[in-house]
Protein backbone atom coordinates (compact mmCIF):
# COMPACT_ATOMS: atom_id res chain seq x y z
CA MET A 1 -0.14 56.96 -8.88
CA TRP A 2 1.21 57.87 -12.78
CA ARG A 3 3.04 55.88 -15.36
CA PRO A 4 3.54 55.57 -18.77
CA LEU A 5 2.27 52.21 -20.87
CA ASN A 6 4.30 52.46 -23.42
CA GLY A 7 8.00 54.58 -23.37
CA PRO A 8 10.09 56.30 -22.86
CA VAL A 9 7.85 59.84 -22.64
CA GLU A 10 9.34 61.53 -25.45
CA ASP A 11 6.51 64.44 -25.91
CA HIS A 12 3.65 65.55 -23.77
CA PRO A 13 5.49 63.94 -20.39
CA MET A 14 3.27 64.68 -16.85
CA THR A 15 4.37 67.90 -14.73
CA VAL A 16 3.65 68.82 -11.74
CA CYS A 17 3.66 71.88 -9.60
CA ASP A 18 5.21 72.75 -6.38
CA GLY A 19 2.54 72.98 -3.93
CA ARG A 20 3.78 75.17 -1.69
CA ASN A 21 4.30 78.05 -4.63
CA ILE A 22 0.36 77.47 -5.48
CA ASN A 23 -1.00 81.32 -4.58
CA THR A 24 -4.05 79.77 -3.70
CA SER A 25 -5.91 82.69 -4.47
CA ASN A 26 -5.67 82.15 -8.27
CA LEU A 27 -7.02 78.51 -8.22
CA VAL A 28 -10.27 77.92 -10.36
CA LYS A 29 -13.34 75.95 -9.14
CA SER A 30 -15.16 73.97 -12.44
CA ASP A 31 -16.98 71.38 -12.47
CA MET A 32 -15.92 67.49 -12.50
CA ILE A 33 -19.06 65.91 -14.03
CA ARG A 34 -18.58 61.98 -14.80
CA GLY A 35 -22.13 60.22 -14.99
CA ASP A 36 -24.77 60.98 -12.54
CA TYR A 37 -21.18 62.27 -10.12
CA THR A 38 -20.39 66.14 -9.83
CA GLY A 39 -17.39 67.20 -8.42
CA SER A 40 -15.10 69.55 -8.73
CA LEU A 41 -11.92 70.52 -10.31
CA LEU A 42 -9.22 73.06 -9.47
CA TYR A 43 -7.39 75.03 -12.10
CA PRO A 44 -4.54 77.22 -11.86
CA LEU A 45 -4.63 80.54 -13.70
CA TYR A 46 -1.43 81.40 -15.67
CA GLU A 47 0.94 83.27 -12.80
CA PRO A 48 3.33 85.36 -15.01
CA LYS A 49 5.73 86.16 -13.10
CA LYS A 50 6.91 82.04 -12.71
CA ALA A 51 6.14 81.50 -9.47
CA CYS A 52 5.14 78.87 -9.50
CA GLN A 53 8.09 75.59 -10.15
CA TRP A 54 6.40 72.58 -12.43
CA TYR A 55 8.62 69.48 -12.49
CA TYR A 56 8.96 66.63 -15.10
CA MET A 57 10.62 63.44 -15.48
CA SER A 58 12.61 63.99 -19.21
CA LYS A 59 12.16 60.75 -21.03
CA GLN A 60 10.04 58.38 -18.60
CA ASP A 61 9.62 55.14 -19.00
CA VAL A 62 7.39 52.37 -18.32
CA GLU A 63 9.05 51.59 -14.31
CA ASP A 64 9.56 54.73 -13.71
CA VAL A 65 6.27 55.59 -11.60
CA LEU A 66 5.44 59.28 -10.22
CA LEU A 67 3.76 59.03 -6.89
CA PHE A 68 2.45 62.29 -6.12
CA LYS A 69 -0.30 63.75 -3.12
CA SER A 70 -2.80 66.03 -4.96
CA PHE A 71 -5.05 67.22 -1.92
CA ASP A 72 -4.29 66.79 2.19
CA SER A 73 -6.75 68.72 4.16
CA LYS A 74 -4.33 68.34 7.10
CA GLU A 75 -4.45 72.32 8.80
CA GLY A 76 -0.73 73.22 7.70
CA SER A 77 0.33 71.30 4.94
CA VAL A 78 0.64 71.54 1.00
CA LYS A 79 -3.17 71.78 0.07
CA HIS A 80 -3.15 71.34 -3.82
CA ALA A 81 -0.43 69.82 -6.42
CA PRO A 82 -1.68 70.87 -10.05
CA HIS A 83 -0.52 68.51 -12.61
CA THR A 84 -0.89 68.26 -16.11
CA SER A 85 1.61 67.84 -19.19
CA PHE A 86 2.85 69.93 -21.66
CA ALA A 87 4.22 69.57 -25.64
CA LEU A 88 8.19 69.06 -25.56
CA PRO A 89 9.28 72.01 -27.28
CA ASN A 90 12.46 69.89 -29.00
CA ALA A 91 10.13 66.24 -29.45
CA PRO A 92 10.86 64.59 -32.18
CA ASP A 93 9.10 64.19 -35.16
CA ASN A 94 7.02 60.95 -35.30
CA VAL A 95 7.35 60.26 -32.04
CA CYS A 96 4.57 57.22 -30.10
CA PRO A 97 1.66 59.27 -28.89
CA ARG A 98 2.15 58.81 -25.14
CA ILE A 99 -0.54 56.07 -23.36
CA SER A 100 -0.52 56.44 -19.84
CA VAL A 101 -2.67 55.09 -16.06
CA GLU A 102 -3.38 57.43 -13.66
CA VAL A 103 -4.72 55.76 -10.26
CA ARG A 104 -6.00 57.94 -7.35
CA ALA A 105 -6.94 56.53 -3.96
CA LEU A 106 -8.20 58.18 -1.32
CA VAL A 107 -5.85 57.86 2.56
CA PHE A 108 -7.55 57.86 5.99
CA THR A 109 -5.05 58.58 8.74
CA PRO A 110 -6.59 59.56 12.04
CA SER A 111 -6.07 62.76 13.29
CA THR A 112 -2.58 63.37 15.56
């Protein structure tokens, strides 16, 4: 879950990639180190043919919550949904910096 704490977001909106368009061979594994914990993250390489489709909400406000699944272990499901932010080319001068919160949850369900 991601949402801005101030809004509307006029620059650097959260953007999510459609996981159905990800070429998993173009994902690069990187270490994520937080204190004593070491995990891993996957970063997509640039694809010049625009194979990936990215989406964002224009002028997302504080009541606009973005909910997305970033990983799924189920066979046959979309595995990854990369997300990031980007500088809007037509952003007004002197916009208030985006302040946001991201909450992650691990959800376990029985096999079907």
